[in-house]
Protein backbone atom coordinates (compact mmCIF):
# COMPACT_ATOMS: atom_id res chain seq x y z
CA UNK A 1 -21.21 12.61 13.53
CA UNK A 2 -19.09 14.40 16.08
CA UNK A 3 -17.23 17.55 15.06
CA UNK A 4 -14.41 16.82 17.52
CA UNK A 5 -12.71 13.46 17.11
CA UNK A 6 -10.59 11.65 19.68
CA UNK A 7 -7.12 11.65 18.07
CA UNK A 8 -6.41 8.18 19.50
CA UNK A 9 -9.36 6.56 17.68
CA UNK A 10 -8.43 4.16 14.88
CA UNK A 11 -10.78 3.01 12.14
CA UNK A 12 -12.07 -0.52 12.65
CA UNK A 13 -11.49 -1.20 8.93
CA UNK A 14 -8.33 0.66 7.91
CA UNK A 15 -5.26 2.21 9.51
CA UNK A 16 -6.35 5.85 9.64
CA UNK A 17 -6.72 7.45 13.04
CA UNK A 18 -8.29 10.50 14.65
CA UNK A 19 -5.31 12.66 13.71
CA UNK A 20 -6.33 12.48 10.03
CA UNK A 21 -7.80 15.72 8.71
CA UNK A 22 -11.57 15.60 8.23
CA UNK A 23 -12.01 12.11 9.66
CA UNK A 24 -15.11 11.06 11.56
CA UNK A 25 -16.17 7.70 12.94
CA UNK A 26 -19.55 5.97 13.00
CA UNK A 27 -20.95 3.97 15.93
CA UNK A 28 -19.15 0.83 14.71
CA UNK A 29 -15.81 2.65 14.69
CA UNK A 30 -15.53 2.84 10.91
CA UNK A 31 -14.18 6.08 9.44
CA UNK A 32 -16.02 8.24 6.93
CA UNK A 33 -13.37 7.55 4.27
CA UNK A 34 -14.07 3.80 4.41
CA UNK A 35 -17.84 4.38 4.48
CA UNK A 36 -17.65 6.64 1.42
CA UNK A 37 -15.42 4.18 -0.43
CA UNK A 38 -17.70 1.23 0.33
CA UNK A 39 -20.79 3.15 -0.78
CA UNK A 40 -19.10 3.95 -4.11
CA UNK A 41 -17.73 0.43 -4.49
CA UNK A 42 -21.18 -1.09 -4.01
CA UNK A 43 -22.51 1.06 -6.87
CA UNK A 44 -19.91 -0.30 -9.29
CA UNK A 45 -21.02 -3.06 -11.56
CA UNK A 46 -17.90 -5.00 -12.36
CA UNK A 47 -18.29 -7.87 -14.79
CA UNK A 48 -16.52 -10.94 -13.48
CA UNK A 49 -16.20 -9.58 -9.94
CA UNK A 50 -16.79 -13.04 -8.46
CA UNK A 51 -14.28 -14.53 -10.90
CA UNK A 52 -11.71 -11.95 -9.76
CA UNK A 53 -12.32 -12.88 -6.12
CA UNK A 54 -11.89 -16.55 -6.90
CA UNK A 55 -8.69 -15.85 -8.85
CA UNK A 56 -7.33 -13.78 -5.95
CA UNK A 57 -8.17 -16.53 -3.46
CA UNK A 58 -6.42 -19.08 -5.68
CA UNK A 59 -3.34 -16.84 -6.00
CA UNK A 60 -3.19 -16.26 -2.23
CA UNK A 61 -3.39 -20.02 -1.72
CA UNK A 62 -0.44 -20.52 -4.07
CA UNK A 63 1.60 -17.87 -2.24
CA UNK A 64 0.81 -19.46 1.14
CA UNK A 65 1.73 -22.89 -0.17
CA UNK A 66 5.03 -21.70 -1.66
CA UNK A 67 5.95 -19.92 1.59
CA UNK A 68 4.97 -22.65 4.03
CA UNK A 69 8.41 -23.22 5.52
CA UNK A 70 9.53 -19.61 5.39
CA UNK A 71 9.21 -16.78 7.88
CA UNK A 72 7.53 -14.63 5.22
CA UNK A 73 5.53 -15.80 2.26
CA UNK A 74 5.51 -12.48 0.41
CA UNK A 75 7.06 -9.02 0.25
CA UNK A 76 5.00 -5.82 0.25
CA UNK A 77 6.53 -2.48 -0.62
CA UNK A 78 5.36 0.27 1.75
CA UNK A 79 5.72 4.01 1.40
CA UNK A 80 3.70 5.14 4.41
CA UNK A 81 0.87 6.25 2.15
CA UNK A 82 -2.70 4.98 2.07
CA UNK A 83 -2.36 2.68 -0.97
CA UNK A 84 0.62 0.63 0.19
CA UNK A 85 -0.74 0.57 3.74
CA UNK A 86 -4.02 -0.84 2.42
CA UNK A 87 -2.17 -3.56 0.50
CA UNK A 88 -0.15 -4.55 3.57
CA UNK A 89 -3.19 -4.69 5.86
CA UNK A 90 -5.16 -6.74 3.36
CA UNK A 91 -2.28 -9.14 2.76
CA UNK A 92 -2.38 -9.89 6.50
CA UNK A 93 -6.20 -10.16 6.47
CA UNK A 94 -5.87 -12.76 3.70
CA UNK A 95 -3.64 -14.81 5.95
CA UNK A 96 -0.32 -13.93 4.34
CA UNK A 97 2.87 -13.29 6.30
CA UNK A 98 4.36 -10.27 4.50
CA UNK A 99 7.72 -8.64 4.99
CA UNK A 100 7.22 -4.88 4.67
CA UNK A 101 10.00 -3.32 2.59
CA UNK A 102 10.52 0.43 2.53
CA UNK A 103 12.88 2.22 0.15
CA UNK A 104 14.28 5.19 2.07
CA UNK A 105 15.52 7.69 -0.47
CA UNK A 106 16.31 10.25 2.20
CA UNK A 107 13.27 12.38 1.36
CA UNK A 108 10.68 10.59 3.46
CA UNK A 109 8.55 12.71 5.71
CA UNK A 110 8.49 12.01 9.41
CA UNK A 111 4.77 11.29 9.04
CA UNK A 112 5.43 8.57 6.43
CA UNK A 113 8.10 6.97 8.61
CA UNK A 114 5.77 7.03 11.62
CA UNK A 115 2.93 5.58 9.54
CA UNK A 116 5.13 2.68 8.47
CA UNK A 117 6.38 1.99 12.00
CA UNK A 118 2.84 2.13 13.45
CA UNK A 119 1.40 0.00 10.69
CA UNK A 120 4.05 -2.71 10.90
CA UNK A 121 3.77 -2.76 14.70
CA UNK A 122 -0.03 -2.91 14.40
CA UNK A 123 0.01 -6.01 12.20
CA UNK A 124 2.72 -7.66 14.28
CA UNK A 125 5.06 -7.79 11.31
CA UNK A 126 8.59 -6.86 10.38
CA UNK A 127 9.98 -4.08 8.23
CA UNK A 128 13.16 -3.78 6.23
CA UNK A 129 14.33 -0.29 5.34
CA UNK A 130 16.57 -0.07 2.30
CA UNK A 131 18.53 3.17 2.29
CA UNK A 132 20.59 4.61 -0.49
CA UNK A 133 22.46 7.76 -1.29
CA UNK A 134 19.57 10.08 -2.31
CA UNK A 135 21.57 12.30 -4.63
CA UNK A 136 23.09 9.37 -6.48
CA UNK A 137 19.80 7.44 -6.62
CA UNK A 138 17.95 10.47 -8.00
CA UNK A 139 20.64 11.10 -10.61
CA UNK A 140 20.68 7.44 -11.64
CA UNK A 141 16.88 7.45 -11.92
CA UNK A 142 16.91 10.61 -14.00
CA UNK A 143 19.60 9.25 -16.36
CA UNK A 144 17.71 5.95 -16.69
CA UNK A 145 14.44 7.76 -17.44
CA UNK A 146 16.11 9.95 -20.06
CA UNK A 147 17.76 6.95 -21.69
CA UNK A 148 14.46 5.06 -21.74
CA UNK A 149 12.74 8.06 -23.32
CA UNK A 150 15.48 8.42 -25.95
CA UNK A 151 15.36 4.72 -26.75
CA UNK A 152 11.57 4.67 -27.06
CA UNK A 153 11.53 7.92 -29.03
CA UNK A 154 14.04 6.51 -31.52
CA UNK A 155 12.12 3.24 -31.73
CA UNK A 156 8.85 5.06 -32.40
CA UNK A 157 10.51 7.32 -34.99
CA UNK A 158 11.92 4.27 -36.75
CA UNK A 159 8.39 2.83 -36.94
CA UNK A 160 7.09 6.09 -38.38
CA UNK A 161 5.02 7.06 -35.33
């Protein structure tokens, strides 16, 4: 594999490009991260793997059916990271019409914002950015987490745990 990668290359399977650290591409245009993942995935022996695929196909069919007369048939939360990007790309590959929703808490990196814009443009989709007041959102989240912890701690203490 080449030591120098064309930064404009994009994996034929995922959304990572030549600007990604340590990435290489094979002759088919697939990146080394996808190749490594697929090699590991093939070694897994998952009981009921075919049943899971059938259940997923059935669920996707239900989502498509429910969203027939709508612009979008599902919503996918995107952060700009690999996991949410993978979900969005695969939703499109399964024939869904997702609306990408991004919660902008004011702390997003420029890279994450660019990833989202490039990804949504690449799938021909739309994105909604929901922005809030970061300081207030963070404080509310912290208070809610503390209250949840207190509530669960009291509940567990009451049960003798």
